[in-house]
Amino acid sequence: MGARQAPYGAFVGIPSPLLAISDTVPWIIIKAISTFLSFTVFRIAFCPLYLTFVPIVLILSLLSLIGS
């Protein structure tokens, strides 16, 4: 039992920095995508699709700002 737990603990200990990085990276990616999309959407002529898409992008960017 103890022999099994030690390698398992070592295995769990290795990805923990990777998990910490993966927690922050998606927010950076979401921020970049949401800002990029919001700028490109405003440049393109408005149509119903973009009018429904812009609020979603704005909400995502607000959530990413709150989450950071």
PDB file of N, CA and C in Angstrom:
ATOM      1  N   MET A   1       0.833  -1.196   0.000  1.00  0.00           N
ATOM      2  CA  MET A   1       0.000   0.000   0.000  1.00  0.00           C
ATOM      3  C   MET A   1       0.873   1.253   0.000  1.00  0.00           C
ATOM      4  N   GLY A   2       1.858   1.291   0.924  1.00  0.00           N
ATOM      5  CA  GLY A   2       2.757   2.446   0.997  1.00  0.00           C
ATOM      6  C   GLY A   2       3.597   2.584  -0.263  1.00  0.00           C
ATOM      7  N   ALA A   3       4.004   1.446  -0.824  1.00  0.00           N
ATOM      8  CA  ALA A   3       4.812   1.469  -2.046  1.00  0.00           C
ATOM      9  C   ALA A   3       3.999   2.027  -3.214  1.00  0.00           C
ATOM     10  N   ARG A   4       2.692   1.762  -3.193  1.00  0.00           N
ATOM     11  CA  ARG A   4       1.845   2.271  -4.265  1.00  0.00           C
ATOM     12  C   ARG A   4       1.599   3.773  -4.111  1.00  0.00           C
ATOM     13  N   GLN A   5       1.443   4.230  -2.879  1.00  0.00           N
ATOM     14  CA  GLN A   5       1.100   5.636  -2.649  1.00  0.00           C
ATOM     15  C   GLN A   5       2.258   6.570  -2.985  1.00  0.00           C
ATOM     16  N   ALA A   6       3.498   6.133  -2.750  1.00  0.00           N
ATOM     17  CA  ALA A   6       4.650   7.007  -2.998  1.00  0.00           C
ATOM     18  C   ALA A   6       4.781   7.389  -4.478  1.00  0.00           C
ATOM     19  N   PRO A   7       4.772   6.429  -5.419  1.00  0.00           N
ATOM     20  CA  PRO A   7       4.851   6.822  -6.826  1.00  0.00           C
ATOM     21  C   PRO A   7       3.639   7.655  -7.245  1.00  0.00           C
ATOM     22  N   TYR A   8       2.467   7.314  -6.675  1.00  0.00           N
ATOM     23  CA  TYR A   8       1.257   8.071  -7.011  1.00  0.00           C
ATOM     24  C   TYR A   8       1.386   9.520  -6.542  1.00  0.00           C
ATOM     25  N   GLY A   9       1.912   9.702  -5.319  1.00  0.00           N
ATOM     26  CA  GLY A   9       2.128  11.055  -4.799  1.00  0.00           C
ATOM     27  C   GLY A   9       3.131  11.818  -5.642  1.00  0.00           C
ATOM     28  N   ALA A  10       4.190  11.130  -6.088  1.00  0.00           N
ATOM     29  CA  ALA A  10       5.192  11.772  -6.936  1.00  0.00           C
ATOM     30  C   ALA A  10       4.578  12.141  -8.284  1.00  0.00           C
ATOM     31  N   PHE A  11       3.729  11.240  -8.794  1.00  0.00           N
ATOM     32  CA  PHE A  11       3.090  11.496 -10.089  1.00  0.00           C
ATOM     33  C   PHE A  11       2.136  12.687  -9.991  1.00  0.00           C
ATOM     34  N   VAL A  12       1.402  12.775  -8.884  1.00  0.00           N
ATOM     35  CA  VAL A  12       0.470  13.890  -8.689  1.00  0.00           C
ATOM     36  C   VAL A  12       1.243  15.188  -8.475  1.00  0.00           C
ATOM     37  N   GLY A  13       2.397  15.098  -7.816  1.00  0.00           N
ATOM     38  CA  GLY A  13       3.185  16.297  -7.533  1.00  0.00           C
ATOM     39  C   GLY A  13       3.786  16.924  -8.781  1.00  0.00           C
ATOM     40  N   ILE A  14       4.064  16.119  -9.804  1.00  0.00           N
ATOM     41  CA  ILE A  14       4.694  16.642 -11.025  1.00  0.00           C
ATOM     42  C   ILE A  14       3.756  17.572 -11.806  1.00  0.00           C
ATOM     43  N   PRO A  15       2.478  17.176 -12.066  1.00  0.00           N
ATOM     44  CA  PRO A  15       1.647  18.047 -12.893  1.00  0.00           C
ATOM     45  C   PRO A  15       1.102  19.280 -12.176  1.00  0.00           C
ATOM     46  N   SER A  16       1.280  19.397 -10.843  1.00  0.00           N
ATOM     47  CA  SER A  16       0.659  20.514 -10.132  1.00  0.00           C
ATOM     48  C   SER A  16       1.103  21.886 -10.651  1.00  0.00           C
ATOM     49  N   PRO A  17       2.405  22.111 -10.977  1.00  0.00           N
ATOM     50  CA  PRO A  17       2.756  23.390 -11.607  1.00  0.00           C
ATOM     51  C   PRO A  17       2.099  23.551 -12.972  1.00  0.00           C
ATOM     52  N   LEU A  18       1.965  22.444 -13.704  1.00  0.00           N
ATOM     53  CA  LEU A  18       1.303  22.489 -15.008  1.00  0.00           C
ATOM     54  C   LEU A  18      -0.162  22.854 -14.851  1.00  0.00           C
ATOM     55  N   LEU A  19      -0.799  22.331 -13.794  1.00  0.00           N
ATOM     56  CA  LEU A  19      -2.196  22.663 -13.534  1.00  0.00           C
ATOM     57  C   LEU A  19      -2.339  24.138 -13.187  1.00  0.00           C
ATOM     58  N   ALA A  20      -1.390  24.671 -12.410  1.00  0.00           N
ATOM     59  CA  ALA A  20      -1.432  26.090 -12.061  1.00  0.00           C
ATOM     60  C   ALA A  20      -1.303  26.952 -13.312  1.00  0.00           C
ATOM     61  N   ILE A  21      -0.425  26.546 -14.235  1.00  0.00           N
ATOM     62  CA  ILE A  21      -0.258  27.285 -15.492  1.00  0.00           C
ATOM     63  C   ILE A  21      -1.526  27.161 -16.331  1.00  0.00           C
ATOM     64  N   SER A  22      -2.088  25.959 -16.396  1.00  0.00           N
ATOM     65  CA  SER A  22      -3.275  25.743 -17.230  1.00  0.00           C
ATOM     66  C   SER A  22      -4.495  26.463 -16.672  1.00  0.00           C
ATOM     67  N   ASP A  23      -4.481  26.812 -15.375  1.00  0.00           N
ATOM     68  CA  ASP A  23      -5.579  27.607 -14.818  1.00  0.00           C
ATOM     69  C   ASP A  23      -5.522  29.045 -15.306  1.00  0.00           C
ATOM     70  N   THR A  24      -4.314  29.595 -15.477  1.00  0.00           N
ATOM     71  CA  THR A  24      -4.183  30.998 -15.869  1.00  0.00           C
ATOM     72  C   THR A  24      -4.187  31.170 -17.383  1.00  0.00           C
ATOM     73  N   VAL A  25      -3.632  30.210 -18.117  1.00  0.00           N
ATOM     74  CA  VAL A  25      -3.506  30.344 -19.574  1.00  0.00           C
ATOM     75  C   VAL A  25      -4.854  30.497 -20.281  1.00  0.00           C
ATOM     76  N   PRO A  26      -5.893  29.685 -19.948  1.00  0.00           N
ATOM     77  CA  PRO A  26      -7.169  29.866 -20.644  1.00  0.00           C
ATOM     78  C   PRO A  26      -7.728  31.272 -20.514  1.00  0.00           C
ATOM     79  N   TRP A  27      -7.541  31.920 -19.351  1.00  0.00           N
ATOM     80  CA  TRP A  27      -8.047  33.285 -19.183  1.00  0.00           C
ATOM     81  C   TRP A  27      -7.323  34.233 -20.119  1.00  0.00           C
ATOM     82  N   ILE A  28      -6.015  34.052 -20.297  1.00  0.00           N
ATOM     83  CA  ILE A  28      -5.251  34.896 -21.223  1.00  0.00           C
ATOM     84  C   ILE A  28      -5.742  34.666 -22.646  1.00  0.00           C
ATOM     85  N   ILE A  29      -5.974  33.397 -23.002  1.00  0.00           N
ATOM     86  CA  ILE A  29      -6.450  33.067 -24.348  1.00  0.00           C
ATOM     87  C   ILE A  29      -7.841  33.653 -24.572  1.00  0.00           C
ATOM     88  N   ILE A  30      -8.732  33.500 -23.574  1.00  0.00           N
ATOM     89  CA  ILE A  30     -10.093  34.033 -23.693  1.00  0.00           C
ATOM     90  C   ILE A  30     -10.051  35.545 -23.833  1.00  0.00           C
ATOM     91  N   LYS A  31      -9.184  36.200 -23.043  1.00  0.00           N
ATOM     92  CA  LYS A  31      -9.041  37.656 -23.146  1.00  0.00           C
ATOM     93  C   LYS A  31      -8.603  38.052 -24.549  1.00  0.00           C
ATOM     94  N   ALA A  32      -7.580  37.379 -25.062  1.00  0.00           N
ATOM     95  CA  ALA A  32      -7.058  37.714 -26.392  1.00  0.00           C
ATOM     96  C   ALA A  32      -8.115  37.497 -27.466  1.00  0.00           C
ATOM     97  N   ILE A  33      -8.803  36.357 -27.414  1.00  0.00           N
ATOM     98  CA  ILE A  33      -9.823  36.053 -28.425  1.00  0.00           C
ATOM     99  C   ILE A  33     -10.984  37.030 -28.321  1.00  0.00           C
ATOM    100  N   SER A  34     -11.440  37.312 -27.099  1.00  0.00           N
ATOM    101  CA  SER A  34     -12.609  38.175 -26.937  1.00  0.00           C
ATOM    102  C   SER A  34     -12.315  39.596 -27.388  1.00  0.00           C
ATOM    103  N   THR A  35     -11.124  40.117 -27.044  1.00  0.00           N
ATOM    104  CA  THR A  35     -10.785  41.473 -27.485  1.00  0.00           C
ATOM    105  C   THR A  35     -10.609  41.513 -28.997  1.00  0.00           C
ATOM    106  N   PHE A  36      -9.950  40.498 -29.552  1.00  0.00           N
ATOM    107  CA  PHE A  36      -9.747  40.441 -31.003  1.00  0.00           C
ATOM    108  C   PHE A  36     -11.086  40.381 -31.733  1.00  0.00           C
ATOM    109  N   LEU A  37     -11.975  39.503 -31.261  1.00  0.00           N
ATOM    110  CA  LEU A  37     -13.279  39.355 -31.907  1.00  0.00           C
ATOM    111  C   LEU A  37     -14.106  40.625 -31.772  1.00  0.00           C
ATOM    112  N   SER A  38     -14.072  41.253 -30.599  1.00  0.00           N
ATOM    113  CA  SER A  38     -14.883  42.456 -30.418  1.00  0.00           C
ATOM    114  C   SER A  38     -14.406  43.567 -31.355  1.00  0.00           C
ATOM    115  N   PHE A  39     -13.083  43.695 -31.537  1.00  0.00           N
ATOM    116  CA  PHE A  39     -12.569  44.720 -32.451  1.00  0.00           C
ATOM    117  C   PHE A  39     -12.920  44.398 -33.899  1.00  0.00           C
ATOM    118  N   THR A  40     -12.764  43.143 -34.305  1.00  0.00           N
ATOM    119  CA  THR A  40     -13.059  42.784 -35.697  1.00  0.00           C
ATOM    120  C   THR A  40     -14.553  42.878 -35.978  1.00  0.00           C
ATOM    121  N   VAL A  41     -15.369  42.511 -34.984  1.00  0.00           N
ATOM    122  CA  VAL A  41     -16.824  42.578 -35.168  1.00  0.00           C
ATOM    123  C   VAL A  41     -17.268  44.024 -35.357  1.00  0.00           C
ATOM    124  N   PHE A  42     -16.670  44.941 -34.605  1.00  0.00           N
ATOM    125  CA  PHE A  42     -17.050  46.347 -34.753  1.00  0.00           C
ATOM    126  C   PHE A  42     -16.607  46.906 -36.102  1.00  0.00           C
ATOM    127  N   ARG A  43     -15.549  46.363 -36.668  1.00  0.00           N
ATOM    128  CA  ARG A  43     -15.086  46.827 -37.977  1.00  0.00           C
ATOM    129  C   ARG A  43     -15.996  46.344 -39.100  1.00  0.00           C
ATOM    130  N   ILE A  44     -16.499  45.130 -38.960  1.00  0.00           N
ATOM    131  CA  ILE A  44     -17.351  44.551 -40.008  1.00  0.00           C
ATOM    132  C   ILE A  44     -18.749  45.177 -39.906  1.00  0.00           C
ATOM    133  N   ALA A  45     -19.417  45.330 -41.061  1.00  0.00           N
ATOM    134  CA  ALA A  45     -20.789  45.855 -41.071  1.00  0.00           C
ATOM    135  C   ALA A  45     -21.686  44.966 -40.213  1.00  0.00           C
ATOM    136  N   PHE A  46     -22.553  45.620 -39.420  1.00  0.00           N
ATOM    137  CA  PHE A  46     -23.401  44.869 -38.499  1.00  0.00           C
ATOM    138  C   PHE A  46     -24.459  44.083 -39.252  1.00  0.00           C
ATOM    139  N   CYS A  47     -24.699  42.872 -38.756  1.00  0.00           N
ATOM    140  CA  CYS A  47     -25.799  42.044 -39.221  1.00  0.00           C
ATOM    141  C   CYS A  47     -26.339  41.321 -37.984  1.00  0.00           C
ATOM    142  N   PRO A  48     -27.517  40.712 -38.064  1.00  0.00           N
ATOM    143  CA  PRO A  48     -28.104  40.087 -36.860  1.00  0.00           C
ATOM    144  C   PRO A  48     -27.162  39.118 -36.141  1.00  0.00           C
ATOM    145  N   LEU A  49     -26.350  38.401 -36.904  1.00  0.00           N
ATOM    146  CA  LEU A  49     -25.417  37.459 -36.288  1.00  0.00           C
ATOM    147  C   LEU A  49     -24.433  38.188 -35.377  1.00  0.00           C
ATOM    148  N   TYR A  50     -23.855  39.287 -35.889  1.00  0.00           N
ATOM    149  CA  TYR A  50     -22.895  40.049 -35.099  1.00  0.00           C
ATOM    150  C   TYR A  50     -23.575  40.756 -33.939  1.00  0.00           C
ATOM    151  N   LEU A  51     -24.808  41.214 -34.142  1.00  0.00           N
ATOM    152  CA  LEU A  51     -25.528  41.884 -33.064  1.00  0.00           C
ATOM    153  C   LEU A  51     -25.797  40.937 -31.900  1.00  0.00           C
ATOM    154  N   THR A  52     -25.975  39.656 -32.191  1.00  0.00           N
ATOM    155  CA  THR A  52     -26.138  38.688 -31.110  1.00  0.00           C
ATOM    156  C   THR A  52     -24.787  38.224 -30.579  1.00  0.00           C
ATOM    157  N   PHE A  53     -23.751  38.320 -31.413  1.00  0.00           N
ATOM    158  CA  PHE A  53     -22.432  37.824 -31.030  1.00  0.00           C
ATOM    159  C   PHE A  53     -21.681  38.813 -30.146  1.00  0.00           C
ATOM    160  N   VAL A  54     -21.865  40.117 -30.405  1.00  0.00           N
ATOM    161  CA  VAL A  54     -21.145  41.149 -29.645  1.00  0.00           C
ATOM    162  C   VAL A  54     -21.439  41.068 -28.149  1.00  0.00           C
ATOM    163  N   PRO A  55     -22.714  40.967 -27.714  1.00  0.00           N
ATOM    164  CA  PRO A  55     -22.958  40.850 -26.268  1.00  0.00           C
ATOM    165  C   PRO A  55     -22.280  39.634 -25.648  1.00  0.00           C
ATOM    166  N   ILE A  56     -22.236  38.520 -26.384  1.00  0.00           N
ATOM    167  CA  ILE A  56     -21.576  37.311 -25.876  1.00  0.00           C
ATOM    168  C   ILE A  56     -20.086  37.584 -25.666  1.00  0.00           C
ATOM    169  N   VAL A  57     -19.464  38.258 -26.630  1.00  0.00           N
ATOM    170  CA  VAL A  57     -18.041  38.593 -26.522  1.00  0.00           C
ATOM    171  C   VAL A  57     -17.812  39.541 -25.349  1.00  0.00           C
ATOM    172  N   LEU A  58     -18.688  40.531 -25.206  1.00  0.00           N
ATOM    173  CA  LEU A  58     -18.552  41.483 -24.103  1.00  0.00           C
ATOM    174  C   LEU A  58     -18.713  40.783 -22.762  1.00  0.00           C
ATOM    175  N   ILE A  59     -19.668  39.873 -22.663  1.00  0.00           N
ATOM    176  CA  ILE A  59     -19.861  39.117 -21.421  1.00  0.00           C
ATOM    177  C   ILE A  59     -18.633  38.261 -21.129  1.00  0.00           C
ATOM    178  N   LEU A  60     -18.094  37.610 -22.153  1.00  0.00           N
ATOM    179  CA  LEU A  60     -16.889  36.794 -21.971  1.00  0.00           C
ATOM    180  C   LEU A  60     -15.717  37.640 -21.501  1.00  0.00           C
ATOM    181  N   SER A  61     -15.567  38.820 -22.095  1.00  0.00           N
ATOM    182  CA  SER A  61     -14.451  39.679 -21.698  1.00  0.00           C
ATOM    183  C   SER A  61     -14.641  40.181 -20.269  1.00  0.00           C
ATOM    184  N   LEU A  62     -15.878  40.494 -19.883  1.00  0.00           N
ATOM    185  CA  LEU A  62     -16.149  40.902 -18.505  1.00  0.00           C
ATOM    186  C   LEU A  62     -15.843  39.764 -17.544  1.00  0.00           C
ATOM    187  N   LEU A  63     -16.254  38.555 -17.894  1.00  0.00           N
ATOM    188  CA  LEU A  63     -15.979  37.398 -17.044  1.00  0.00           C
ATOM    189  C   LEU A  63     -14.480  37.152 -16.917  1.00  0.00           C
ATOM    190  N   SER A  64     -13.753  37.341 -18.008  1.00  0.00           N
ATOM    191  CA  SER A  64     -12.307  37.123 -17.962  1.00  0.00           C
ATOM    192  C   SER A  64     -11.630  38.186 -17.104  1.00  0.00           C
ATOM    193  N   LEU A  65     -12.142  39.421 -17.149  1.00  0.00           N
ATOM    194  CA  LEU A  65     -11.590  40.478 -16.299  1.00  0.00           C
ATOM    195  C   LEU A  65     -11.877  40.185 -14.833  1.00  0.00           C
ATOM    196  N   ILE A  66     -13.097  39.713 -14.542  1.00  0.00           N
ATOM    197  CA  ILE A  66     -13.446  39.371 -13.162  1.00  0.00           C
ATOM    198  C   ILE A  66     -12.609  38.188 -12.682  1.00  0.00           C
ATOM    199  N   GLY A  67     -12.423  37.206 -13.562  1.00  0.00           N
ATOM    200  CA  GLY A  67     -11.703  35.996 -13.183  1.00  0.00           C
ATOM    201  C   GLY A  67     -10.216  36.199 -12.976  1.00  0.00           C
ATOM    202  N   SER A  68      -9.648  37.239 -13.598  1.00  0.00           N
ATOM    203  CA  SER A  68      -8.200  37.441 -13.500  1.00  0.00           C
ATOM    204  C   SER A  68      -7.814  38.096 -12.188  1.00  0.00           C
TER     205      SER A  68
END
